[in-house]
PDB file of N, CA and C in Angstrom:
ATOM      1  N   MET A   1     109.032  93.077  91.867  1.00  0.00           N
ATOM      2  CA  MET A   1     108.438  92.198  92.424  1.00  0.00           C
ATOM      3  C   MET A   1     106.840  91.957  92.376  1.00  0.00           C
ATOM      4  N   ASP A   2     106.704  90.556  92.996  1.00  0.00           N
ATOM      5  CA  ASP A   2     105.191  90.170  92.779  1.00  0.00           C
ATOM      6  C   ASP A   2     104.617  90.283  93.798  1.00  0.00           C
ATOM      7  N   ARG A   3     103.732  89.859  94.091  1.00  0.00           N
ATOM      8  CA  ARG A   3     102.757  91.081  94.705  1.00  0.00           C
ATOM      9  C   ARG A   3     102.111  89.980  95.756  1.00  0.00           C
ATOM     10  N   ASP A   4     102.120  88.980  95.595  1.00  0.00           N
ATOM     11  CA  ASP A   4     101.874  87.637  95.822  1.00  0.00           C
ATOM     12  C   ASP A   4     102.496  87.288  96.837  1.00  0.00           C
ATOM     13  N   GLU A   5     104.458  87.310  96.351  1.00  0.00           N
ATOM     14  CA  GLU A   5     105.961  87.363  97.328  1.00  0.00           C
ATOM     15  C   GLU A   5     105.988  88.016  98.128  1.00  0.00           C
ATOM     16  N   THR A   6     105.472  89.603  98.296  1.00  0.00           N
ATOM     17  CA  THR A   6     106.101  91.093  98.685  1.00  0.00           C
ATOM     18  C   THR A   6     104.484  90.663 100.014  1.00  0.00           C
ATOM     19  N   ILE A   7     103.585  90.569  99.917  1.00  0.00           N
ATOM     20  CA  ILE A   7     102.929  89.798 100.770  1.00  0.00           C
ATOM     21  C   ILE A   7     103.100  88.769 101.723  1.00  0.00           C
ATOM     22  N   LYS A   8     103.668  87.232 100.921  1.00  0.00           N
ATOM     23  CA  LYS A   8     103.798  86.621 101.701  1.00  0.00           C
ATOM     24  C   LYS A   8     105.710  87.533 103.056  1.00  0.00           C
ATOM     25  N   ARG A   9     105.981  88.035 102.280  1.00  0.00           N
ATOM     26  CA  ARG A   9     107.227  88.201 103.293  1.00  0.00           C
ATOM     27  C   ARG A   9     106.739  89.748 104.382  1.00  0.00           C
ATOM     28  N   ILE A  10     105.554  90.623 103.856  1.00  0.00           N
ATOM     29  CA  ILE A  10     105.899  91.570 105.078  1.00  0.00           C
ATOM     30  C   ILE A  10     104.876  91.036 105.894  1.00  0.00           C
ATOM     31  N   ARG A  11     103.893  90.468 105.739  1.00  0.00           N
ATOM     32  CA  ARG A  11     102.843  89.400 106.482  1.00  0.00           C
ATOM     33  C   ARG A  11     103.933  88.336 107.673  1.00  0.00           C
ATOM     34  N   ALA A  12     105.463  87.463 107.261  1.00  0.00           N
ATOM     35  CA  ALA A  12     105.541  86.779 108.140  1.00  0.00           C
ATOM     36  C   ALA A  12     107.166  88.031 109.262  1.00  0.00           C
ATOM     37  N   ALA A  13     107.088  88.830 108.093  1.00  0.00           N
ATOM     38  CA  ALA A  13     108.426  90.207 109.015  1.00  0.00           C
ATOM     39  C   ALA A  13     107.271  90.475 110.145  1.00  0.00           C
ATOM     40  N   LEU A  14     106.350  90.822 110.081  1.00  0.00           N
ATOM     41  CA  LEU A  14     105.863  91.198 111.212  1.00  0.00           C
ATOM     42  C   LEU A  14     104.924  90.928 112.308  1.00  0.00           C
ATOM     43  N   ASN A  15     105.037  89.232 111.695  1.00  0.00           N
ATOM     44  CA  ASN A  15     104.581  87.946 112.701  1.00  0.00           C
ATOM     45  C   ASN A  15     105.605  87.890 113.786  1.00  0.00           C
ATOM     46  N   ARG A  16     106.702  87.771 113.100  1.00  0.00           N
ATOM     47  CA  ARG A  16     108.231  87.468 113.543  1.00  0.00           C
ATOM     48  C   ARG A  16     108.851  89.028 114.651  1.00  0.00           C
ATOM     49  N   ARG A  17     108.470  89.362 114.355  1.00  0.00           N
ATOM     50  CA  ARG A  17     108.943  91.071 115.137  1.00  0.00           C
ATOM     51  C   ARG A  17     108.295  91.543 115.398  1.00  0.00           C
ATOM     52  N   SER A  18     106.604  91.073 115.636  1.00  0.00           N
ATOM     53  CA  SER A  18     105.444  91.720 116.577  1.00  0.00           C
ATOM     54  C   SER A  18     105.071  90.909 117.617  1.00  0.00           C
ATOM     55  N   GLY A  19     105.300  89.221 116.924  1.00  0.00           N
ATOM     56  CA  GLY A  19     104.322  87.694 117.322  1.00  0.00           C
ATOM     57  C   GLY A  19     103.145  87.864 117.930  1.00  0.00           C
ATOM     58  N   LYS A  20     102.930  88.733 116.463  1.00  0.00           N
ATOM     59  CA  LYS A  20     101.359  89.110 116.219  1.00  0.00           C
ATOM     60  C   LYS A  20     101.476  88.838 115.153  1.00  0.00           C
ATOM     61  N   THR A  21      99.626  87.888 114.280  1.00  0.00           N
ATOM     62  CA  THR A  21      99.410  88.185 113.128  1.00  0.00           C
ATOM     63  C   THR A  21      99.201  89.520 112.406  1.00  0.00           C
ATOM     64  N   TRP A  22      99.355  89.676 111.429  1.00  0.00           N
ATOM     65  CA  TRP A  22      98.862  91.088 110.755  1.00  0.00           C
ATOM     66  C   TRP A  22      98.652  90.802 109.301  1.00  0.00           C
ATOM     67  N   SER A  23      97.406  90.762 109.165  1.00  0.00           N
ATOM     68  CA  SER A  23      97.000  91.417 107.904  1.00  0.00           C
ATOM     69  C   SER A  23      97.306  92.259 106.340  1.00  0.00           C
ATOM     70  N   VAL A  24      98.119  91.883 105.487  1.00  0.00           N
ATOM     71  CA  VAL A  24      98.137  92.156 103.995  1.00  0.00           C
ATOM     72  C   VAL A  24      97.573  91.283 103.247  1.00  0.00           C
ATOM     73  N   THR A  25      97.000  92.154 102.176  1.00  0.00           N
ATOM     74  CA  THR A  25      95.986  92.234 101.333  1.00  0.00           C
ATOM     75  C   THR A  25      96.216  92.767 100.643  1.00  0.00           C
ATOM     76  N   GLY A  26      96.412  92.563  98.705  1.00  0.00           N
ATOM     77  CA  GLY A  26      96.203  92.637  97.687  1.00  0.00           C
ATOM     78  C   GLY A  26      94.768  93.942  97.301  1.00  0.00           C
ATOM     79  N   GLY A  27      94.592  94.683  96.395  1.00  0.00           N
ATOM     80  CA  GLY A  27      93.171  94.771  96.620  1.00  0.00           C
ATOM     81  C   GLY A  27      93.081  94.763  94.959  1.00  0.00           C
ATOM     82  N   ARG A  28      91.395  94.475  94.550  1.00  0.00           N
ATOM     83  CA  ARG A  28      90.950  94.125  93.483  1.00  0.00           C
ATOM     84  C   ARG A  28      90.693  94.732  92.729  1.00  0.00           C
ATOM     85  N   GLY A  29      90.399  94.012  91.619  1.00  0.00           N
ATOM     86  CA  GLY A  29      90.554  95.302  90.144  1.00  0.00           C
ATOM     87  C   GLY A  29      91.620  95.832  89.965  1.00  0.00           C
ATOM     88  N   THR A  30      91.251  97.443  89.583  1.00  0.00           N
ATOM     89  CA  THR A  30      92.312  98.504  89.052  1.00  0.00           C
ATOM     90  C   THR A  30      93.248  99.064  90.103  1.00  0.00           C
ATOM     91  N   ALA A  31      92.999  98.706  91.644  1.00  0.00           N
ATOM     92  CA  ALA A  31      94.044  98.388  92.373  1.00  0.00           C
ATOM     93  C   ALA A  31      94.196  97.233  92.691  1.00  0.00           C
ATOM     94  N   TRP A  32      94.055  96.473  92.249  1.00  0.00           N
ATOM     95  CA  TRP A  32      94.422  95.572  91.913  1.00  0.00           C
ATOM     96  C   TRP A  32      96.180  94.380  93.030  1.00  0.00           C
ATOM     97  N   GLY A  33      97.047  95.801  92.234  1.00  0.00           N
ATOM     98  CA  GLY A  33      98.373  95.680  92.603  1.00  0.00           C
ATOM     99  C   GLY A  33      99.122  96.419  94.151  1.00  0.00           C
ATOM    100  N   TRP A  34      97.894  97.039  94.733  1.00  0.00           N
ATOM    101  CA  TRP A  34      98.311  98.539  95.913  1.00  0.00           C
ATOM    102  C   TRP A  34      98.010  97.045  96.407  1.00  0.00           C
ATOM    103  N   LEU A  35      98.557  97.372  98.101  1.00  0.00           N
ATOM    104  CA  LEU A  35      98.225  96.422  98.858  1.00  0.00           C
ATOM    105  C   LEU A  35      98.742  97.515 100.052  1.00  0.00           C
ATOM    106  N   THR A  36      97.429  96.627 101.499  1.00  0.00           N
ATOM    107  CA  THR A  36      97.559  97.463 102.569  1.00  0.00           C
ATOM    108  C   THR A  36      98.224  95.886 104.020  1.00  0.00           C
ATOM    109  N   ILE A  37      97.963  96.870 104.456  1.00  0.00           N
ATOM    110  CA  ILE A  37      98.490  96.733 105.122  1.00  0.00           C
ATOM    111  C   ILE A  37      97.738  97.084 106.701  1.00  0.00           C
ATOM    112  N   ASP A  38      97.176  95.960 107.814  1.00  0.00           N
ATOM    113  CA  ASP A  38      96.333  96.245 109.517  1.00  0.00           C
ATOM    114  C   ASP A  38      95.895  95.255 109.734  1.00  0.00           C
ATOM    115  N   ALA A  39      95.147  95.751 111.169  1.00  0.00           N
ATOM    116  CA  ALA A  39      95.118  94.369 112.259  1.00  0.00           C
ATOM    117  C   ALA A  39      94.316  93.793 111.099  1.00  0.00           C
ATOM    118  N   PRO A  40      94.394  91.732 111.925  1.00  0.00           N
ATOM    119  CA  PRO A  40      92.940  91.044 110.799  1.00  0.00           C
ATOM    120  C   PRO A  40      91.425  91.500 111.432  1.00  0.00           C
ATOM    121  N   PRO A  41      90.807  91.299 110.289  1.00  0.00           N
ATOM    122  CA  PRO A  41      90.201  91.518 110.882  1.00  0.00           C
ATOM    123  C   PRO A  41      88.479  91.747 112.405  1.00  0.00           C
ATOM    124  N   ALA A  42      89.500  90.524 112.668  1.00  0.00           N
ATOM    125  CA  ALA A  42      88.342  90.273 114.245  1.00  0.00           C
ATOM    126  C   ALA A  42      88.775  91.157 115.501  1.00  0.00           C
ATOM    127  N   ARG A  43      90.912  92.161 115.176  1.00  0.00           N
ATOM    128  CA  ARG A  43      90.934  93.001 115.886  1.00  0.00           C
ATOM    129  C   ARG A  43      90.916  94.055 115.591  1.00  0.00           C
ATOM    130  N   ARG A  44      89.918  94.548 114.348  1.00  0.00           N
ATOM    131  CA  ARG A  44      89.644  96.004 113.976  1.00  0.00           C
ATOM    132  C   ARG A  44      88.290  96.037 114.499  1.00  0.00           C
ATOM    133  N   THR A  45      88.425  96.364 116.147  1.00  0.00           N
ATOM    134  CA  THR A  45      86.748  96.066 117.155  1.00  0.00           C
ATOM    135  C   THR A  45      86.085  97.934 117.115  1.00  0.00           C
ATOM    136  N   TRP A  46      87.050  98.670 116.160  1.00  0.00           N
ATOM    137  CA  TRP A  46      87.292 100.245 117.229  1.00  0.00           C
ATOM    138  C   TRP A  46      85.903 100.670 116.092  1.00  0.00           C
ATOM    139  N   ARG A  47      85.058 101.808 116.497  1.00  0.00           N
ATOM    140  CA  ARG A  47      84.588 102.487 115.655  1.00  0.00           C
ATOM    141  C   ARG A  47      84.334 103.878 116.193  1.00  0.00           C
ATOM    142  N   ASN A  48      83.467 104.626 115.485  1.00  0.00           N
ATOM    143  CA  ASN A  48      83.587 106.387 116.018  1.00  0.00           C
ATOM    144  C   ASN A  48      81.788 106.521 116.786  1.00  0.00           C
ATOM    145  N   ARG A  49      81.530 107.773 117.235  1.00  0.00           N
ATOM    146  CA  ARG A  49      80.419 107.704 117.804  1.00  0.00           C
ATOM    147  C   ARG A  49      80.138 109.687 118.113  1.00  0.00           C
ATOM    148  N   LEU A  50      79.140 109.711 117.924  1.00  0.00           N
ATOM    149  CA  LEU A  50      78.955 111.094 118.464  1.00  0.00           C
ATOM    150  C   LEU A  50      79.590 111.006 119.634  1.00  0.00           C
ATOM    151  N   LYS A  51      80.251 112.393 119.944  1.00  0.00           N
ATOM    152  CA  LYS A  51      79.941 112.857 121.837  1.00  0.00           C
ATOM    153  C   LYS A  51      78.897 113.088 122.758  1.00  0.00           C
ATOM    154  N   ALA A  52      78.509 112.799 123.496  1.00  0.00           N
ATOM    155  CA  ALA A  52      77.456 113.181 124.246  1.00  0.00           C
ATOM    156  C   ALA A  52      77.143 114.818 124.064  1.00  0.00           C
ATOM    157  N   ASP A  53      77.947 115.859 123.805  1.00  0.00           N
ATOM    158  CA  ASP A  53      77.815 116.980 124.411  1.00  0.00           C
ATOM    159  C   ASP A  53      77.931 117.646 122.435  1.00  0.00           C
ATOM    160  N   ALA A  54      78.191 116.755 121.465  1.00  0.00           N
ATOM    161  CA  ALA A  54      78.603 117.272 120.312  1.00  0.00           C
ATOM    162  C   ALA A  54      77.285 117.783 119.728  1.00  0.00           C
ATOM    163  N   SER A  55      77.984 118.901 118.905  1.00  0.00           N
ATOM    164  CA  SER A  55      77.632 120.355 118.670  1.00  0.00           C
ATOM    165  C   SER A  55      76.307 119.275 117.677  1.00  0.00           C
ATOM    166  N   LEU A  56      75.770 120.634 117.191  1.00  0.00           N
ATOM    167  CA  LEU A  56      74.684 119.775 115.715  1.00  0.00           C
ATOM    168  C   LEU A  56      75.256 120.177 114.164  1.00  0.00           C
ATOM    169  N   ALA A  57      75.845 120.724 114.876  1.00  0.00           N
ATOM    170  CA  ALA A  57      76.870 120.863 113.400  1.00  0.00           C
ATOM    171  C   ALA A  57      77.892 119.780 112.935  1.00  0.00           C
ATOM    172  N   GLN A  58      77.576 118.936 113.505  1.00  0.00           N
ATOM    173  CA  GLN A  58      78.327 117.184 113.845  1.00  0.00           C
ATOM    174  C   GLN A  58      79.668 117.436 113.183  1.00  0.00           C
ATOM    175  N   LEU A  59      80.456 118.225 113.086  1.00  0.00           N
ATOM    176  CA  LEU A  59      81.666 118.522 112.540  1.00  0.00           C
ATOM    177  C   LEU A  59      82.736 117.200 113.469  1.00  0.00           C
ATOM    178  N   PRO A  60      84.343 117.119 112.439  1.00  0.00           N
ATOM    179  CA  PRO A  60      84.789 115.881 112.727  1.00  0.00           C
ATOM    180  C   PRO A  60      85.444 116.036 114.417  1.00  0.00           C
ATOM    181  N   GLU A  61      85.324 117.203 114.800  1.00  0.00           N
ATOM    182  CA  GLU A  61      85.643 117.003 116.197  1.00  0.00           C
ATOM    183  C   GLU A  61      84.911 116.267 117.475  1.00  0.00           C
ATOM    184  N   ASP A  62      83.737 116.558 116.734  1.00  0.00           N
ATOM    185  CA  ASP A  62      82.154 116.275 117.577  1.00  0.00           C
ATOM    186  C   ASP A  62      81.864 114.540 117.700  1.00  0.00           C
ATOM    187  N   TYR A  63      83.374 113.906 116.780  1.00  0.00           N
ATOM    188  CA  TYR A  63      83.136 112.486 116.912  1.00  0.00           C
ATOM    189  C   TYR A  63      84.636 111.444 117.649  1.00  0.00           C
ATOM    190  N   GLU A  64      83.830 110.494 118.706  1.00  0.00           N
ATOM    191  CA  GLU A  64      84.754 109.780 119.642  1.00  0.00           C
ATOM    192  C   GLU A  64      85.119 108.508 119.635  1.00  0.00           C
ATOM    193  N   GLU A  65      86.469 108.619 119.420  1.00  0.00           N
ATOM    194  CA  GLU A  65      86.706 106.467 119.007  1.00  0.00           C
ATOM    195  C   GLU A  65      86.203 106.113 120.285  1.00  0.00           C
ATOM    196  N   TYR A  66      85.731 104.060 120.012  1.00  0.00           N
ATOM    197  CA  TYR A  66      85.176 103.948 121.037  1.00  0.00           C
ATOM    198  C   TYR A  66      85.333 102.707 120.975  1.00  0.00           C
ATOM    199  N   ASP A  67      85.505 101.540 121.364  1.00  0.00           N
ATOM    200  CA  ASP A  67      86.181 100.302 121.372  1.00  0.00           C
ATOM    201  C   ASP A  67      84.490  99.066 121.061  1.00  0.00           C
ATOM    202  N   SER A  68      83.518  98.807 119.618  1.00  0.00           N
ATOM    203  CA  SER A  68      82.549  98.644 120.220  1.00  0.00           C
ATOM    204  C   SER A  68      82.501  97.003 120.893  1.00  0.00           C
ATOM    205  N   GLY A  69      83.962  96.415 120.637  1.00  0.00           N
ATOM    206  CA  GLY A  69      83.281  94.615 120.365  1.00  0.00           C
ATOM    207  C   GLY A  69      84.014  93.878 119.820  1.00  0.00           C
ATOM    208  N   GLU A  70      82.995  94.869 118.218  1.00  0.00           N
ATOM    209  CA  GLU A  70      82.248  93.986 117.416  1.00  0.00           C
ATOM    210  C   GLU A  70      83.250  94.227 115.886  1.00  0.00           C
ATOM    211  N   PRO A  71      84.148  93.071 115.971  1.00  0.00           N
ATOM    212  CA  PRO A  71      84.339  92.832 114.336  1.00  0.00           C
ATOM    213  C   PRO A  71      83.639  93.785 113.204  1.00  0.00           C
ATOM    214  N   GLY A  72      84.870  94.092 112.122  1.00  0.00           N
ATOM    215  CA  GLY A  72      84.137  94.858 110.940  1.00  0.00           C
ATOM    216  C   GLY A  72      84.915  96.454 111.682  1.00  0.00           C
ATOM    217  N   GLY A  73      85.223  97.573 112.274  1.00  0.00           N
ATOM    218  CA  GLY A  73      85.501  98.265 112.334  1.00  0.00           C
ATOM    219  C   GLY A  73      86.907  98.357 111.926  1.00  0.00           C
ATOM    220  N   TYR A  74      87.331  99.391 112.919  1.00  0.00           N
ATOM    221  CA  TYR A  74      88.458 100.116 112.649  1.00  0.00           C
ATOM    222  C   TYR A  74      89.935  99.574 113.651  1.00  0.00           C
ATOM    223  N   THR A  75      91.071  99.405 113.191  1.00  0.00           N
ATOM    224  CA  THR A  75      92.252  98.802 113.931  1.00  0.00           C
ATOM    225  C   THR A  75      92.390  99.918 115.221  1.00  0.00           C
ATOM    226  N   SER A  76      92.518  99.474 116.464  1.00  0.00           N
ATOM    227  CA  SER A  76      92.721 100.370 117.848  1.00  0.00           C
ATOM    228  C   SER A  76      93.637 101.111 118.042  1.00  0.00           C
ATOM    229  N   PRO A  77      93.811 102.336 118.718  1.00  0.00           N
ATOM    230  CA  PRO A  77      94.592 103.774 118.491  1.00  0.00           C
ATOM    231  C   PRO A  77      96.348 102.885 119.223  1.00  0.00           C
ATOM    232  N   GLU A  78      96.168 101.642 119.980  1.00  0.00           N
ATOM    233  CA  GLU A  78      97.311 101.013 120.462  1.00  0.00           C
ATOM    234  C   GLU A  78      98.466 100.386 119.568  1.00  0.00           C
ATOM    235  N   GLU A  79      97.133  99.656 118.367  1.00  0.00           N
ATOM    236  CA  GLU A  79      97.931  98.600 117.117  1.00  0.00           C
ATOM    237  C   GLU A  79      97.947  99.560 116.114  1.00  0.00           C
ATOM    238  N   ARG A  80      97.906 100.898 116.025  1.00  0.00           N
ATOM    239  CA  ARG A  80      98.307 101.753 115.168  1.00  0.00           C
ATOM    240  C   ARG A  80      99.433 101.693 115.810  1.00  0.00           C
ATOM    241  N   ALA A  81      99.908 102.876 116.547  1.00  0.00           N
ATOM    242  CA  ALA A  81     101.117 103.375 116.936  1.00  0.00           C
ATOM    243  C   ALA A  81     102.303 102.126 116.740  1.00  0.00           C
ATOM    244  N   GLU A  82     101.848 100.323 117.395  1.00  0.00           N
ATOM    245  CA  GLU A  82     102.203  99.609 117.455  1.00  0.00           C
ATOM    246  C   GLU A  82     103.420  99.243 115.889  1.00  0.00           C
ATOM    247  N   LEU A  83     102.262  99.340 115.005  1.00  0.00           N
ATOM    248  CA  LEU A  83     101.909  98.702 113.376  1.00  0.00           C
ATOM    249  C   LEU A  83     103.318 100.343 113.173  1.00  0.00           C
ATOM    250  N   GLY A  84     102.740 101.180 113.223  1.00  0.00           N
ATOM    251  CA  GLY A  84     103.568 102.618 112.599  1.00  0.00           C
ATOM    252  C   GLY A  84     105.463 102.278 113.093  1.00  0.00           C
ATOM    253  N   LYS A  85     105.242 101.849 113.865  1.00  0.00           N
ATOM    254  CA  LYS A  85     106.812 101.788 114.414  1.00  0.00           C
ATOM    255  C   LYS A  85     107.236 100.487 113.555  1.00  0.00           C
ATOM    256  N   LEU A  86     106.428 100.117 113.533  1.00  0.00           N
ATOM    257  CA  LEU A  86     107.122  97.718 113.111  1.00  0.00           C
ATOM    258  C   LEU A  86     107.539  98.651 111.992  1.00  0.00           C
ATOM    259  N   LEU A  87     107.170 100.140 111.008  1.00  0.00           N
ATOM    260  CA  LEU A  87     107.542  99.992 109.370  1.00  0.00           C
ATOM    261  C   LEU A  87     108.383 101.279 109.604  1.00  0.00           C
ATOM    262  N   GLY A  88     108.595 101.444 111.155  1.00  0.00           N
ATOM    263  CA  GLY A  88     109.239 102.752 111.466  1.00  0.00           C
ATOM    264  C   GLY A  88     109.314 104.215 110.775  1.00  0.00           C
ATOM    265  N   PHE A  89     107.427 104.906 111.823  1.00  0.00           N
ATOM    266  CA  PHE A  89     107.240 105.852 110.964  1.00  0.00           C
ATOM    267  C   PHE A  89     107.399 106.301 112.444  1.00  0.00           C
ATOM    268  N   ASP A  90     107.325 107.747 112.308  1.00  0.00           N
ATOM    269  CA  ASP A  90     107.351 108.527 113.397  1.00  0.00           C
ATOM    270  C   ASP A  90     106.271 108.218 114.255  1.00  0.00           C
ATOM    271  N   LYS A  91     104.454 107.966 113.191  1.00  0.00           N
ATOM    272  CA  LYS A  91     103.172 108.081 114.086  1.00  0.00           C
ATOM    273  C   LYS A  91     102.293 107.272 113.306  1.00  0.00           C
ATOM    274  N   PRO A  92     101.221 107.144 114.008  1.00  0.00           N
ATOM    275  CA  PRO A  92     100.504 105.396 113.962  1.00  0.00           C
ATOM    276  C   PRO A  92     100.102 105.730 112.201  1.00  0.00           C
ATOM    277  N   VAL A  93      99.716 104.414 112.017  1.00  0.00           N
ATOM    278  CA  VAL A  93      99.076 104.127 110.909  1.00  0.00           C
ATOM    279  C   VAL A  93      97.877 105.136 110.781  1.00  0.00           C
ATOM    280  N   HIS A  94      97.501 105.018 109.744  1.00  0.00           N
ATOM    281  CA  HIS A  94      95.656 105.555 109.401  1.00  0.00           C
ATOM    282  C   HIS A  94      94.905 104.592 109.856  1.00  0.00           C
ATOM    283  N   CYS A  95      93.495 104.313 110.966  1.00  0.00           N
ATOM    284  CA  CYS A  95      92.865 104.092 111.365  1.00  0.00           C
ATOM    285  C   CYS A  95      92.440 102.914 111.058  1.00  0.00           C
ATOM    286  N   GLN A  96      92.074 102.647 109.394  1.00  0.00           N
ATOM    287  CA  GLN A  96      92.040 101.745 107.697  1.00  0.00           C
ATOM    288  C   GLN A  96      93.584 100.999 107.413  1.00  0.00           C
ATOM    289  N   GLY A  97      94.484 101.167 108.775  1.00  0.00           N
ATOM    290  CA  GLY A  97      95.882 100.024 107.856  1.00  0.00           C
ATOM    291  C   GLY A  97      96.461 101.470 107.039  1.00  0.00           C
ATOM    292  N   GLN A  98      97.721 100.527 106.137  1.00  0.00           N
ATOM    293  CA  GLN A  98      98.580 101.238 105.592  1.00  0.00           C
ATOM    294  C   GLN A  98      98.461  99.931 104.140  1.00  0.00           C
ATOM    295  N   ARG A  99      98.509 102.328 103.934  1.00  0.00           N
ATOM    296  CA  ARG A  99      98.560 101.558 101.590  1.00  0.00           C
ATOM    297  C   ARG A  99      99.698 101.723 101.565  1.00  0.00           C
ATOM    298  N   ILE A 100     100.053 100.478 100.594  1.00  0.00           N
ATOM    299  CA  ILE A 100     101.297 100.659  99.872  1.00  0.00           C
ATOM    300  C   ILE A 100     100.706 100.628  98.192  1.00  0.00           C
ATOM    301  N   ALA A 101     101.542 101.648  97.582  1.00  0.00           N
ATOM    302  CA  ALA A 101     101.218 101.743  96.282  1.00  0.00           C
ATOM    303  C   ALA A 101     102.104 100.943  95.633  1.00  0.00           C
ATOM    304  N   SER A 102     101.006 100.117  93.883  1.00  0.00           N
ATOM    305  CA  SER A 102     101.526  99.544  93.296  1.00  0.00           C
ATOM    306  C   SER A 102     102.546  99.364  92.537  1.00  0.00           C
ATOM    307  N   SER A 103     104.010  99.627  93.220  1.00  0.00           N
ATOM    308  CA  SER A 103     105.251  99.212  92.104  1.00  0.00           C
ATOM    309  C   SER A 103     106.309  98.633  92.805  1.00  0.00           C
ATOM    310  N   ASN A 104     107.437  98.348  92.035  1.00  0.00           N
ATOM    311  CA  ASN A 104     108.537  97.492  92.678  1.00  0.00           C
ATOM    312  C   ASN A 104     109.226  97.809  93.395  1.00  0.00           C
ATOM    313  N   ASP A 105     109.296  99.806  93.639  1.00  0.00           N
ATOM    314  CA  ASP A 105     110.161 100.061  94.311  1.00  0.00           C
ATOM    315  C   ASP A 105     109.145 100.416  96.090  1.00  0.00           C
ATOM    316  N   TYR A 106     107.965 100.987  95.619  1.00  0.00           N
ATOM    317  CA  TYR A 106     107.190 100.936  96.941  1.00  0.00           C
ATOM    318  C   TYR A 106     107.219  99.247  97.730  1.00  0.00           C
ATOM    319  N   TYR A 107     106.877  98.769  96.813  1.00  0.00           N
ATOM    320  CA  TYR A 107     107.100  96.936  97.846  1.00  0.00           C
ATOM    321  C   TYR A 107     108.206  96.782  98.605  1.00  0.00           C
ATOM    322  N   GLN A 108     109.679  96.985  97.639  1.00  0.00           N
ATOM    323  CA  GLN A 108     110.895  96.509  97.838  1.00  0.00           C
ATOM    324  C   GLN A 108     110.551  97.891  99.506  1.00  0.00           C
ATOM    325  N   GLU A 109     110.641  98.681  98.938  1.00  0.00           N
ATOM    326  CA  GLU A 109     110.588  99.917 100.254  1.00  0.00           C
ATOM    327  C   GLU A 109     110.167  98.860 102.187  1.00  0.00           C
ATOM    328  N   TYR A 110     109.097  98.397 101.347  1.00  0.00           N
ATOM    329  CA  TYR A 110     108.113  98.276 102.196  1.00  0.00           C
ATOM    330  C   TYR A 110     108.679  96.881 103.082  1.00  0.00           C
ATOM    331  N   ILE A 111     108.889  96.280 102.007  1.00  0.00           N
ATOM    332  CA  ILE A 111     109.691  95.063 103.019  1.00  0.00           C
ATOM    333  C   ILE A 111     110.551  94.796 103.833  1.00  0.00           C
ATOM    334  N   ASP A 112     111.427  96.252 103.039  1.00  0.00           N
ATOM    335  CA  ASP A 112     112.768  96.692 104.257  1.00  0.00           C
ATOM    336  C   ASP A 112     111.816  96.979 105.316  1.00  0.00           C
ATOM    337  N   ARG A 113     110.878  98.097 105.145  1.00  0.00           N
ATOM    338  CA  ARG A 113     110.162  98.561 106.364  1.00  0.00           C
ATOM    339  C   ARG A 113     110.228  97.271 107.621  1.00  0.00           C
ATOM    340  N   ALA A 114     109.314  96.566 106.696  1.00  0.00           N
ATOM    341  CA  ALA A 114     108.567  94.905 107.697  1.00  0.00           C
ATOM    342  C   ALA A 114     109.501  94.504 107.862  1.00  0.00           C
ATOM    343  N   GLU A 115     110.448  94.176 107.847  1.00  0.00           N
ATOM    344  CA  GLU A 115     112.295  93.424 107.931  1.00  0.00           C
ATOM    345  C   GLU A 115     112.634  94.603 109.663  1.00  0.00           C
ATOM    346  N   GLY A 116     112.801  95.805 109.190  1.00  0.00           N
ATOM    347  CA  GLY A 116     113.050  96.379 110.044  1.00  0.00           C
ATOM    348  C   GLY A 116     114.460  97.322 109.888  1.00  0.00           C
ATOM    349  N   ARG A 117     114.432  96.974 108.481  1.00  0.00           N
ATOM    350  CA  ARG A 117     115.584  98.430 107.997  1.00  0.00           C
ATOM    351  C   ARG A 117     115.446  99.201 107.228  1.00  0.00           C
ATOM    352  N   THR A 118     116.423 100.289 107.722  1.00  0.00           N
ATOM    353  CA  THR A 118     115.901 101.481 107.128  1.00  0.00           C
ATOM    354  C   THR A 118     115.374 101.608 105.087  1.00  0.00           C
ATOM    355  N   PRO A 119     114.799 101.595 104.497  1.00  0.00           N
ATOM    356  CA  PRO A 119     114.493 101.179 103.154  1.00  0.00           C
ATOM    357  C   PRO A 119     116.129 101.503 102.517  1.00  0.00           C
ATOM    358  N   ALA A 120     116.281 100.528 101.838  1.00  0.00           N
ATOM    359  CA  ALA A 120     117.618 100.982 100.264  1.00  0.00           C
ATOM    360  C   ALA A 120     116.903 102.033 100.238  1.00  0.00           C
ATOM    361  N   LYS A 121     116.122 101.729  99.441  1.00  0.00           N
ATOM    362  CA  LYS A 121     115.492 103.426  98.278  1.00  0.00           C
ATOM    363  C   LYS A 121     114.282 104.008  98.659  1.00  0.00           C
ATOM    364  N   PHE A 122     113.763 105.172  98.825  1.00  0.00           N
ATOM    365  CA  PHE A 122     112.147 105.976  99.725  1.00  0.00           C
ATOM    366  C   PHE A 122     112.047 105.292  97.933  1.00  0.00           C
ATOM    367  N   ALA A 123     110.684 104.710  97.772  1.00  0.00           N
ATOM    368  CA  ALA A 123     109.486 104.989  96.534  1.00  0.00           C
ATOM    369  C   ALA A 123     108.959 106.504  96.142  1.00  0.00           C
ATOM    370  N   GLU A 124     109.159 107.015  94.819  1.00  0.00           N
ATOM    371  CA  GLU A 124     108.356 108.108  94.538  1.00  0.00           C
ATOM    372  C   GLU A 124     107.274 107.940  94.113  1.00  0.00           C
ATOM    373  N   ALA A 125     106.260 108.765  94.712  1.00  0.00           N
ATOM    374  CA  ALA A 125     104.774 108.342  93.529  1.00  0.00           C
ATOM    375  C   ALA A 125     104.784 108.570  92.533  1.00  0.00           C
ATOM    376  N   TYR A 126     103.838 107.766  91.677  1.00  0.00           N
ATOM    377  CA  TYR A 126     104.446 107.694  90.173  1.00  0.00           C
ATOM    378  C   TYR A 126     103.059 107.940  89.329  1.00  0.00           C
ATOM    379  N   TRP A 127     101.864 109.019  89.737  1.00  0.00           N
ATOM    380  CA  TRP A 127     100.817 109.430  89.624  1.00  0.00           C
ATOM    381  C   TRP A 127     100.692 110.990  90.206  1.00  0.00           C
ATOM    382  N   ASP A 128      99.599 111.444  89.317  1.00  0.00           N
ATOM    383  CA  ASP A 128      99.963 113.192  89.695  1.00  0.00           C
ATOM    384  C   ASP A 128      98.888 113.282  90.950  1.00  0.00           C
TER     385      ASP A 128
END
C-alpha cells in the first residue's frame, strides 16, 4: 500500500465522518513510513503548566492541561476523545495524536478504522 494514498484515504474518511479537517502526515528520515493522525496545527492549542499548589518535586501530577489559545501545542482533550471514537477506540488518542507504524497491515487497519469499519485484520508489531 502506498504511503501517500493511505494518507489521502484516512484524511478524507475522517473529514467525511466528522465534518472536520484532520492532519494526517508522514514521517521524515528513518521514520518516513510512519504516519500521525492529529488535529491540524491551528487547533493544537493545549499545553501543560505547573499547578499553583505544585510540590517542589514537580511530579507529573503537579501539572495541568490548559488551552493557551496559541497554535503549536497539543490537541484538546475533547478532540483526542473524538479522534479516538472515530478510530474505533474506547479511549482518547495520545495528546500528540495517533501514530501508525510503517507497514501495509497497519495502513489497512487504520484505513478501515478511519472509514468506520472494524479492521479486517489487526496489524502486529514487527519490532522488538
